[in-house]
Amino acid sequence: MSNETFSFADEPAPTKNAQEPAPAQLLLDWLQCWNKNVITTRQIRVFGPKRLRDRESAISAIETLTKRGWLRPIQARQRNYRLWQIVRKVHPSVAA
């Protein structure tokens, strides 16, 4: 009998270190599938990605996309109603 030991048996299993996309990128990817040309904050919070369901993260992602030119604010009929036009470009990326 031999007393062989295998080094791979003692090593822990490798873990994946995948980073989650930024909330703005997540919203931008989701907006590319939205079938309308305009969207409201409420629609993003109800139908959008789960990470954007709370008010603060949704507004933060919307502000980022507005600064980058992916969303344009539109005048709404009610003052407490926020409406944005979706700008569709060829390669959707927040960084670009």
PDB file of N, CA and C in Angstrom:
ATOM      1  N   MET A   1       0.824  -1.178   0.000  1.00  0.00           N
ATOM      2  CA  MET A   1       0.000   0.000   0.000  1.00  0.00           C
ATOM      3  C   MET A   1       0.869   1.243   0.000  1.00  0.00           C
ATOM      4  N   SER A   2       0.420   2.188  -0.738  1.00  0.00           N
ATOM      5  CA  SER A   2       1.154   3.453  -0.768  1.00  0.00           C
ATOM      6  C   SER A   2       0.364   4.518  -0.023  1.00  0.00           C
ATOM      7  N   ASN A   3       1.056   5.430   0.545  1.00  0.00           N
ATOM      8  CA  ASN A   3       0.428   6.520   1.297  1.00  0.00           C
ATOM      9  C   ASN A   3       0.412   7.798   0.460  1.00  0.00           C
ATOM     10  N   GLU A   4      -0.244   7.737  -0.638  1.00  0.00           N
ATOM     11  CA  GLU A   4      -0.315   8.909  -1.515  1.00  0.00           C
ATOM     12  C   GLU A   4      -1.377   9.886  -1.015  1.00  0.00           C
ATOM     13  N   THR A   5      -1.068  11.131  -1.116  1.00  0.00           N
ATOM     14  CA  THR A   5      -2.058  12.170  -0.816  1.00  0.00           C
ATOM     15  C   THR A   5      -2.143  13.077  -2.036  1.00  0.00           C
ATOM     16  N   PHE A   6      -3.306  13.487  -2.313  1.00  0.00           N
ATOM     17  CA  PHE A   6      -3.528  14.341  -3.471  1.00  0.00           C
ATOM     18  C   PHE A   6      -3.701  15.779  -3.006  1.00  0.00           C
ATOM     19  N   SER A   7      -2.962  16.664  -3.622  1.00  0.00           N
ATOM     20  CA  SER A   7      -2.985  18.059  -3.185  1.00  0.00           C
ATOM     21  C   SER A   7      -4.325  18.735  -3.485  1.00  0.00           C
ATOM     22  N   PHE A   8      -4.997  18.321  -4.541  1.00  0.00           N
ATOM     23  CA  PHE A   8      -6.260  18.979  -4.880  1.00  0.00           C
ATOM     24  C   PHE A   8      -7.368  18.631  -3.893  1.00  0.00           C
ATOM     25  N   ALA A   9      -7.215  17.582  -3.126  1.00  0.00           N
ATOM     26  CA  ALA A   9      -8.243  17.204  -2.164  1.00  0.00           C
ATOM     27  C   ALA A   9      -8.261  18.150  -0.962  1.00  0.00           C
ATOM     28  N   ASP A  10      -7.113  18.766  -0.659  1.00  0.00           N
ATOM     29  CA  ASP A  10      -7.033  19.655   0.497  1.00  0.00           C
ATOM     30  C   ASP A  10      -7.391  21.104   0.148  1.00  0.00           C
ATOM     31  N   GLU A  11      -7.398  21.439  -1.110  1.00  0.00           N
ATOM     32  CA  GLU A  11      -7.668  22.820  -1.511  1.00  0.00           C
ATOM     33  C   GLU A  11      -9.166  23.100  -1.482  1.00  0.00           C
ATOM     34  N   PRO A  12      -9.546  24.301  -1.065  1.00  0.00           N
ATOM     35  CA  PRO A  12     -10.975  24.646  -1.094  1.00  0.00           C
ATOM     36  C   PRO A  12     -11.451  24.811  -2.538  1.00  0.00           C
ATOM     37  N   ALA A  13     -12.717  24.644  -2.710  1.00  0.00           N
ATOM     38  CA  ALA A  13     -13.294  24.783  -4.048  1.00  0.00           C
ATOM     39  C   ALA A  13     -13.168  26.232  -4.514  1.00  0.00           C
ATOM     40  N   PRO A  14     -12.824  26.437  -5.768  1.00  0.00           N
ATOM     41  CA  PRO A  14     -12.695  27.814  -6.258  1.00  0.00           C
ATOM     42  C   PRO A  14     -14.053  28.520  -6.271  1.00  0.00           C
ATOM     43  N   THR A  15     -14.047  29.765  -5.880  1.00  0.00           N
ATOM     44  CA  THR A  15     -15.284  30.545  -5.872  1.00  0.00           C
ATOM     45  C   THR A  15     -15.258  31.532  -7.022  1.00  0.00           C
ATOM     46  N   LYS A  16     -16.413  31.769  -7.574  1.00  0.00           N
ATOM     47  CA  LYS A  16     -16.523  32.734  -8.655  1.00  0.00           C
ATOM     48  C   LYS A  16     -16.613  34.124  -8.055  1.00  0.00           C
ATOM     49  N   ASN A  17     -15.818  35.021  -8.556  1.00  0.00           N
ATOM     50  CA  ASN A  17     -15.789  36.383  -8.057  1.00  0.00           C
ATOM     51  C   ASN A  17     -16.407  37.311  -9.095  1.00  0.00           C
ATOM     52  N   ALA A  18     -17.615  36.988  -9.505  1.00  0.00           N
ATOM     53  CA  ALA A  18     -18.294  37.787 -10.527  1.00  0.00           C
ATOM     54  C   ALA A  18     -18.915  39.015  -9.874  1.00  0.00           C
ATOM     55  N   GLN A  19     -18.642  40.158 -10.462  1.00  0.00           N
ATOM     56  CA  GLN A  19     -19.217  41.389  -9.941  1.00  0.00           C
ATOM     57  C   GLN A  19     -20.579  41.607 -10.561  1.00  0.00           C
ATOM     58  N   GLU A  20     -21.484  42.115  -9.746  1.00  0.00           N
ATOM     59  CA  GLU A  20     -22.803  42.442 -10.263  1.00  0.00           C
ATOM     60  C   GLU A  20     -22.705  43.756 -11.022  1.00  0.00           C
ATOM     61  N   PRO A  21     -23.475  43.902 -12.088  1.00  0.00           N
ATOM     62  CA  PRO A  21     -23.419  45.160 -12.834  1.00  0.00           C
ATOM     63  C   PRO A  21     -23.957  46.316 -11.996  1.00  0.00           C
ATOM     64  N   ALA A  22     -23.495  47.504 -12.320  1.00  0.00           N
ATOM     65  CA  ALA A  22     -23.957  48.701 -11.622  1.00  0.00           C
ATOM     66  C   ALA A  22     -25.454  48.866 -11.846  1.00  0.00           C
ATOM     67  N   PRO A  23     -26.171  49.488 -10.904  1.00  0.00           N
ATOM     68  CA  PRO A  23     -27.615  49.668 -11.064  1.00  0.00           C
ATOM     69  C   PRO A  23     -27.982  50.408 -12.353  1.00  0.00           C
ATOM     70  N   ALA A  24     -27.185  51.394 -12.748  1.00  0.00           N
ATOM     71  CA  ALA A  24     -27.484  52.132 -13.977  1.00  0.00           C
ATOM     72  C   ALA A  24     -27.348  51.224 -15.201  1.00  0.00           C
ATOM     73  N   GLN A  25     -26.328  50.376 -15.213  1.00  0.00           N
ATOM     74  CA  GLN A  25     -26.155  49.450 -16.334  1.00  0.00           C
ATOM     75  C   GLN A  25     -27.272  48.416 -16.349  1.00  0.00           C
ATOM     76  N   LEU A  26     -27.679  47.975 -15.183  1.00  0.00           N
ATOM     77  CA  LEU A  26     -28.780  47.028 -15.076  1.00  0.00           C
ATOM     78  C   LEU A  26     -30.071  47.635 -15.624  1.00  0.00           C
ATOM     79  N   LEU A  27     -30.324  48.890 -15.271  1.00  0.00           N
ATOM     80  CA  LEU A  27     -31.516  49.582 -15.777  1.00  0.00           C
ATOM     81  C   LEU A  27     -31.418  49.794 -17.275  1.00  0.00           C
ATOM     82  N   LEU A  28     -30.249  50.172 -17.770  1.00  0.00           N
ATOM     83  CA  LEU A  28     -30.077  50.398 -19.203  1.00  0.00           C
ATOM     84  C   LEU A  28     -30.323  49.120 -19.998  1.00  0.00           C
ATOM     85  N   ASP A  29     -29.804  48.009 -19.519  1.00  0.00           N
ATOM     86  CA  ASP A  29     -30.041  46.730 -20.201  1.00  0.00           C
ATOM     87  C   ASP A  29     -31.529  46.384 -20.213  1.00  0.00           C
ATOM     88  N   TRP A  30     -32.189  46.649 -19.098  1.00  0.00           N
ATOM     89  CA  TRP A  30     -33.619  46.366 -19.026  1.00  0.00           C
ATOM     90  C   TRP A  30     -34.421  47.303 -19.927  1.00  0.00           C
ATOM     91  N   LEU A  31     -34.031  48.558 -20.014  1.00  0.00           N
ATOM     92  CA  LEU A  31     -34.753  49.529 -20.843  1.00  0.00           C
ATOM     93  C   LEU A  31     -34.697  49.176 -22.335  1.00  0.00           C
ATOM     94  N   GLN A  32     -33.659  48.474 -22.749  1.00  0.00           N
ATOM     95  CA  GLN A  32     -33.554  48.078 -24.156  1.00  0.00           C
ATOM     96  C   GLN A  32     -34.650  47.096 -24.538  1.00  0.00           C
ATOM     97  N   CYS A  33     -35.214  46.407 -23.554  1.00  0.00           N
ATOM     98  CA  CYS A  33     -36.310  45.463 -23.815  1.00  0.00           C
ATOM     99  C   CYS A  33     -37.684  46.088 -23.595  1.00  0.00           C
ATOM    100  N   TRP A  34     -37.741  47.284 -23.037  1.00  0.00           N
ATOM    101  CA  TRP A  34     -39.008  47.964 -22.774  1.00  0.00           C
ATOM    102  C   TRP A  34     -39.611  48.350 -24.110  1.00  0.00           C
ATOM    103  N   ASN A  35     -40.865  48.008 -24.340  1.00  0.00           N
ATOM    104  CA  ASN A  35     -41.463  48.169 -25.664  1.00  0.00           C
ATOM    105  C   ASN A  35     -42.078  49.541 -25.909  1.00  0.00           C
ATOM    106  N   LYS A  36     -41.950  50.468 -24.978  1.00  0.00           N
ATOM    107  CA  LYS A  36     -42.475  51.820 -25.165  1.00  0.00           C
ATOM    108  C   LYS A  36     -41.327  52.809 -25.253  1.00  0.00           C
ATOM    109  N   ASN A  37     -41.614  54.019 -25.740  1.00  0.00           N
ATOM    110  CA  ASN A  37     -40.579  55.034 -25.885  1.00  0.00           C
ATOM    111  C   ASN A  37     -40.433  55.922 -24.659  1.00  0.00           C
ATOM    112  N   VAL A  38     -41.391  55.857 -23.749  1.00  0.00           N
ATOM    113  CA  VAL A  38     -41.329  56.644 -22.515  1.00  0.00           C
ATOM    114  C   VAL A  38     -41.513  55.707 -21.326  1.00  0.00           C
ATOM    115  N   ILE A  39     -41.034  56.177 -20.169  1.00  0.00           N
ATOM    116  CA  ILE A  39     -41.149  55.372 -18.948  1.00  0.00           C
ATOM    117  C   ILE A  39     -41.254  56.301 -17.753  1.00  0.00           C
ATOM    118  N   THR A  40     -41.891  55.814 -16.715  1.00  0.00           N
ATOM    119  CA  THR A  40     -42.032  56.580 -15.479  1.00  0.00           C
ATOM    120  C   THR A  40     -41.232  55.900 -14.373  1.00  0.00           C
ATOM    121  N   THR A  41     -41.029  56.643 -13.290  1.00  0.00           N
ATOM    122  CA  THR A  41     -40.343  56.069 -12.135  1.00  0.00           C
ATOM    123  C   THR A  41     -41.134  54.892 -11.577  1.00  0.00           C
ATOM    124  N   ARG A  42     -42.426  55.040 -11.548  1.00  0.00           N
ATOM    125  CA  ARG A  42     -43.264  53.966 -11.020  1.00  0.00           C
ATOM    126  C   ARG A  42     -43.140  52.698 -11.857  1.00  0.00           C
ATOM    127  N   GLN A  43     -43.117  52.828 -13.177  1.00  0.00           N
ATOM    128  CA  GLN A  43     -42.972  51.651 -14.041  1.00  0.00           C
ATOM    129  C   GLN A  43     -41.632  50.962 -13.813  1.00  0.00           C
ATOM    130  N   ILE A  44     -40.585  51.742 -13.598  1.00  0.00           N
ATOM    131  CA  ILE A  44     -39.273  51.150 -13.328  1.00  0.00           C
ATOM    132  C   ILE A  44     -39.307  50.384 -12.014  1.00  0.00           C
ATOM    133  N   ARG A  45     -39.932  50.965 -11.003  1.00  0.00           N
ATOM    134  CA  ARG A  45     -39.973  50.321  -9.694  1.00  0.00           C
ATOM    135  C   ARG A  45     -40.881  49.092  -9.682  1.00  0.00           C
ATOM    136  N   VAL A  46     -41.918  49.080 -10.499  1.00  0.00           N
ATOM    137  CA  VAL A  46     -42.847  47.944 -10.505  1.00  0.00           C
ATOM    138  C   VAL A  46     -42.382  46.837 -11.445  1.00  0.00           C
ATOM    139  N   PHE A  47     -41.998  47.208 -12.664  1.00  0.00           N
ATOM    140  CA  PHE A  47     -41.681  46.213 -13.687  1.00  0.00           C
ATOM    141  C   PHE A  47     -40.184  45.991 -13.890  1.00  0.00           C
ATOM    142  N   GLY A  48     -39.354  46.874 -13.365  1.00  0.00           N
ATOM    143  CA  GLY A  48     -37.911  46.831 -13.603  1.00  0.00           C
ATOM    144  C   GLY A  48     -37.193  45.746 -12.818  1.00  0.00           C
ATOM    145  N   PRO A  49     -35.864  45.771 -12.893  1.00  0.00           N
ATOM    146  CA  PRO A  49     -35.056  44.785 -12.161  1.00  0.00           C
ATOM    147  C   PRO A  49     -35.295  44.880 -10.651  1.00  0.00           C
ATOM    148  N   LYS A  50     -35.188  43.773  -9.973  1.00  0.00           N
ATOM    149  CA  LYS A  50     -35.491  43.733  -8.538  1.00  0.00           C
ATOM    150  C   LYS A  50     -34.571  44.623  -7.719  1.00  0.00           C
ATOM    151  N   ARG A  51     -33.347  44.811  -8.155  1.00  0.00           N
ATOM    152  CA  ARG A  51     -32.421  45.670  -7.410  1.00  0.00           C
ATOM    153  C   ARG A  51     -32.831  47.137  -7.458  1.00  0.00           C
ATOM    154  N   LEU A  52     -33.729  47.498  -8.354  1.00  0.00           N
ATOM    155  CA  LEU A  52     -34.153  48.886  -8.491  1.00  0.00           C
ATOM    156  C   LEU A  52     -35.569  49.111  -7.971  1.00  0.00           C
ATOM    157  N   ARG A  53     -36.060  48.244  -7.157  1.00  0.00           N
ATOM    158  CA  ARG A  53     -37.428  48.374  -6.666  1.00  0.00           C
ATOM    159  C   ARG A  53     -37.562  49.435  -5.574  1.00  0.00           C
ATOM    160  N   ASP A  54     -36.471  49.740  -4.855  1.00  0.00           N
ATOM    161  CA  ASP A  54     -36.596  50.786  -3.843  1.00  0.00           C
ATOM    162  C   ASP A  54     -36.335  52.153  -4.495  1.00  0.00           C
ATOM    163  N   ARG A  55     -36.900  53.176  -3.916  1.00  0.00           N
ATOM    164  CA  ARG A  55     -36.929  54.510  -4.513  1.00  0.00           C
ATOM    165  C   ARG A  55     -35.524  55.089  -4.732  1.00  0.00           C
ATOM    166  N   GLU A  56     -34.651  54.973  -3.746  1.00  0.00           N
ATOM    167  CA  GLU A  56     -33.329  55.594  -3.822  1.00  0.00           C
ATOM    168  C   GLU A  56     -32.474  55.010  -4.943  1.00  0.00           C
ATOM    169  N   SER A  57     -32.438  53.691  -5.056  1.00  0.00           N
ATOM    170  CA  SER A  57     -31.597  53.083  -6.101  1.00  0.00           C
ATOM    171  C   SER A  57     -32.190  53.338  -7.488  1.00  0.00           C
ATOM    172  N   ALA A  58     -33.510  53.381  -7.603  1.00  0.00           N
ATOM    173  CA  ALA A  58     -34.137  53.667  -8.896  1.00  0.00           C
ATOM    174  C   ALA A  58     -33.821  55.093  -9.336  1.00  0.00           C
ATOM    175  N   ILE A  59     -33.960  56.048  -8.440  1.00  0.00           N
ATOM    176  CA  ILE A  59     -33.692  57.444  -8.785  1.00  0.00           C
ATOM    177  C   ILE A  59     -32.215  57.653  -9.091  1.00  0.00           C
ATOM    178  N   SER A  60     -31.340  57.007  -8.347  1.00  0.00           N
ATOM    179  CA  SER A  60     -29.910  57.115  -8.608  1.00  0.00           C
ATOM    180  C   SER A  60     -29.555  56.591 -10.006  1.00  0.00           C
ATOM    181  N   ALA A  61     -30.115  55.447 -10.375  1.00  0.00           N
ATOM    182  CA  ALA A  61     -29.859  54.883 -11.706  1.00  0.00           C
ATOM    183  C   ALA A  61     -30.446  55.771 -12.797  1.00  0.00           C
ATOM    184  N   ILE A  62     -31.620  56.328 -12.561  1.00  0.00           N
ATOM    185  CA  ILE A  62     -32.251  57.222 -13.539  1.00  0.00           C
ATOM    186  C   ILE A  62     -31.412  58.476 -13.733  1.00  0.00           C
ATOM    187  N   GLU A  63     -30.902  59.051 -12.636  1.00  0.00           N
ATOM    188  CA  GLU A  63     -30.070  60.251 -12.736  1.00  0.00           C
ATOM    189  C   GLU A  63     -28.786  59.971 -13.515  1.00  0.00           C
ATOM    190  N   THR A  64     -28.186  58.818 -13.283  1.00  0.00           N
ATOM    191  CA  THR A  64     -26.978  58.448 -14.020  1.00  0.00           C
ATOM    192  C   THR A  64     -27.264  58.327 -15.510  1.00  0.00           C
ATOM    193  N   LEU A  65     -28.361  57.672 -15.868  1.00  0.00           N
ATOM    194  CA  LEU A  65     -28.701  57.510 -17.279  1.00  0.00           C
ATOM    195  C   LEU A  65     -29.093  58.842 -17.915  1.00  0.00           C
ATOM    196  N   THR A  66     -29.668  59.745 -17.143  1.00  0.00           N
ATOM    197  CA  THR A  66     -30.017  61.063 -17.660  1.00  0.00           C
ATOM    198  C   THR A  66     -28.746  61.861 -17.950  1.00  0.00           C
ATOM    199  N   LYS A  67     -27.768  61.803 -17.048  1.00  0.00           N
ATOM    200  CA  LYS A  67     -26.494  62.504 -17.255  1.00  0.00           C
ATOM    201  C   LYS A  67     -25.751  61.957 -18.470  1.00  0.00           C
ATOM    202  N   ARG A  68     -25.856  60.658 -18.708  1.00  0.00           N
ATOM    203  CA  ARG A  68     -25.152  60.024 -19.829  1.00  0.00           C
ATOM    204  C   ARG A  68     -25.908  60.130 -21.153  1.00  0.00           C
ATOM    205  N   GLY A  69     -27.132  60.643 -21.128  1.00  0.00           N
ATOM    206  CA  GLY A  69     -27.886  60.842 -22.359  1.00  0.00           C
ATOM    207  C   GLY A  69     -28.774  59.699 -22.786  1.00  0.00           C
ATOM    208  N   TRP A  70     -29.004  58.732 -21.913  1.00  0.00           N
ATOM    209  CA  TRP A  70     -29.860  57.595 -22.251  1.00  0.00           C
ATOM    210  C   TRP A  70     -31.326  57.858 -21.948  1.00  0.00           C
ATOM    211  N   LEU A  71     -31.599  58.806 -21.048  1.00  0.00           N
ATOM    212  CA  LEU A  71     -32.962  59.198 -20.715  1.00  0.00           C
ATOM    213  C   LEU A  71     -33.078  60.711 -20.815  1.00  0.00           C
ATOM    214  N   ARG A  72     -34.203  61.178 -21.352  1.00  0.00           N
ATOM    215  CA  ARG A  72     -34.481  62.616 -21.429  1.00  0.00           C
ATOM    216  C   ARG A  72     -35.754  62.904 -20.648  1.00  0.00           C
ATOM    217  N   PRO A  73     -35.698  63.864 -19.721  1.00  0.00           N
ATOM    218  CA  PRO A  73     -36.915  64.190 -18.977  1.00  0.00           C
ATOM    219  C   PRO A  73     -37.958  64.839 -19.876  1.00  0.00           C
ATOM    220  N   ILE A  74     -39.199  64.482 -19.656  1.00  0.00           N
ATOM    221  CA  ILE A  74     -40.325  65.031 -20.410  1.00  0.00           C
ATOM    222  C   ILE A  74     -41.260  65.703 -19.406  1.00  0.00           C
ATOM    223  N   GLN A  75     -41.821  66.836 -19.816  1.00  0.00           N
ATOM    224  CA  GLN A  75     -42.775  67.538 -18.958  1.00  0.00           C
ATOM    225  C   GLN A  75     -44.040  66.692 -18.812  1.00  0.00           C
ATOM    226  N   ALA A  76     -44.399  66.412 -17.579  1.00  0.00           N
ATOM    227  CA  ALA A  76     -45.598  65.623 -17.305  1.00  0.00           C
ATOM    228  C   ALA A  76     -46.759  66.547 -16.954  1.00  0.00           C
ATOM    229  N   ARG A  77     -47.957  66.033 -17.008  1.00  0.00           N
ATOM    230  CA  ARG A  77     -49.142  66.836 -16.701  1.00  0.00           C
ATOM    231  C   ARG A  77     -49.287  67.092 -15.207  1.00  0.00           C
ATOM    232  N   GLN A  78     -48.811  66.179 -14.401  1.00  0.00           N
ATOM    233  CA  GLN A  78     -48.879  66.349 -12.950  1.00  0.00           C
ATOM    234  C   GLN A  78     -47.484  66.658 -12.418  1.00  0.00           C
ATOM    235  N   ARG A  79     -47.397  67.504 -11.377  1.00  0.00           N
ATOM    236  CA  ARG A  79     -46.068  67.861 -10.895  1.00  0.00           C
ATOM    237  C   ARG A  79     -45.376  66.737 -10.168  1.00  0.00           C
ATOM    238  N   ASN A  80     -46.074  65.819  -9.568  1.00  0.00           N
ATOM    239  CA  ASN A  80     -45.433  64.722  -8.856  1.00  0.00           C
ATOM    240  C   ASN A  80     -45.202  63.504  -9.752  1.00  0.00           C
ATOM    241  N   TYR A  81     -45.388  63.647 -11.023  1.00  0.00           N
ATOM    242  CA  TYR A  81     -45.265  62.554 -11.992  1.00  0.00           C
ATOM    243  C   TYR A  81     -43.995  62.786 -12.800  1.00  0.00           C
ATOM    244  N   ARG A  82     -43.098  61.819 -12.835  1.00  0.00           N
ATOM    245  CA  ARG A  82     -41.842  61.960 -13.574  1.00  0.00           C
ATOM    246  C   ARG A  82     -41.859  61.025 -14.771  1.00  0.00           C
ATOM    247  N   LEU A  83     -41.508  61.594 -15.906  1.00  0.00           N
ATOM    248  CA  LEU A  83     -41.601  60.878 -17.178  1.00  0.00           C
ATOM    249  C   LEU A  83     -40.310  61.094 -17.953  1.00  0.00           C
ATOM    250  N   TRP A  84     -39.788  60.029 -18.564  1.00  0.00           N
ATOM    251  CA  TRP A  84     -38.561  60.110 -19.347  1.00  0.00           C
ATOM    252  C   TRP A  84     -38.747  59.467 -20.705  1.00  0.00           C
ATOM    253  N   GLN A  85     -38.100  60.060 -21.695  1.00  0.00           N
ATOM    254  CA  GLN A  85     -38.043  59.462 -23.019  1.00  0.00           C
ATOM    255  C   GLN A  85     -36.789  58.603 -23.082  1.00  0.00           C
ATOM    256  N   ILE A  86     -36.910  57.404 -23.610  1.00  0.00           N
ATOM    257  CA  ILE A  86     -35.777  56.489 -23.725  1.00  0.00           C
ATOM    258  C   ILE A  86     -35.058  56.771 -25.031  1.00  0.00           C
ATOM    259  N   VAL A  87     -33.750  57.027 -24.942  1.00  0.00           N
ATOM    260  CA  VAL A  87     -32.932  57.252 -26.126  1.00  0.00           C
ATOM    261  C   VAL A  87     -32.293  55.916 -26.477  1.00  0.00           C
ATOM    262  N   ARG A  88     -32.582  55.432 -27.645  1.00  0.00           N
ATOM    263  CA  ARG A  88     -32.051  54.132 -28.068  1.00  0.00           C
ATOM    264  C   ARG A  88     -30.833  54.353 -28.961  1.00  0.00           C
ATOM    265  N   LYS A  89     -29.721  53.749 -28.567  1.00  0.00           N
ATOM    266  CA  LYS A  89     -28.471  53.848 -29.310  1.00  0.00           C
ATOM    267  C   LYS A  89     -28.049  52.450 -29.731  1.00  0.00           C
ATOM    268  N   VAL A  90     -26.996  52.380 -30.524  1.00  0.00           N
ATOM    269  CA  VAL A  90     -26.569  51.091 -31.074  1.00  0.00           C
ATOM    270  C   VAL A  90     -25.974  50.175 -30.011  1.00  0.00           C
ATOM    271  N   HIS A  91     -25.000  50.660 -29.240  1.00  0.00           N
ATOM    272  CA  HIS A  91     -24.315  49.833 -28.248  1.00  0.00           C
ATOM    273  C   HIS A  91     -24.634  50.351 -26.853  1.00  0.00           C
ATOM    274  N   PRO A  92     -25.562  49.717 -26.136  1.00  0.00           N
ATOM    275  CA  PRO A  92     -25.950  50.220 -24.827  1.00  0.00           C
ATOM    276  C   PRO A  92     -24.896  49.965 -23.755  1.00  0.00           C
ATOM    277  N   SER A  93     -24.255  51.025 -23.314  1.00  0.00           N
ATOM    278  CA  SER A  93     -23.295  50.951 -22.228  1.00  0.00           C
ATOM    279  C   SER A  93     -23.299  52.275 -21.493  1.00  0.00           C
ATOM    280  N   VAL A  94     -23.325  52.223 -20.195  1.00  0.00           N
ATOM    281  CA  VAL A  94     -23.355  53.438 -19.398  1.00  0.00           C
ATOM    282  C   VAL A  94     -22.028  54.167 -19.512  1.00  0.00           C
ATOM    283  N   ALA A  95     -20.931  53.435 -19.533  1.00  0.00           N
ATOM    284  CA  ALA A  95     -19.606  54.044 -19.547  1.00  0.00           C
ATOM    285  C   ALA A  95     -19.331  54.817 -20.830  1.00  0.00           C
ATOM    286  N   ALA A  96     -19.942  54.422 -21.930  1.00  0.00           N
ATOM    287  CA  ALA A  96     -19.650  55.072 -23.204  1.00  0.00           C
ATOM    288  C   ALA A  96     -20.413  56.357 -23.383  1.00  0.00           C
TER     289      ALA A  96
END
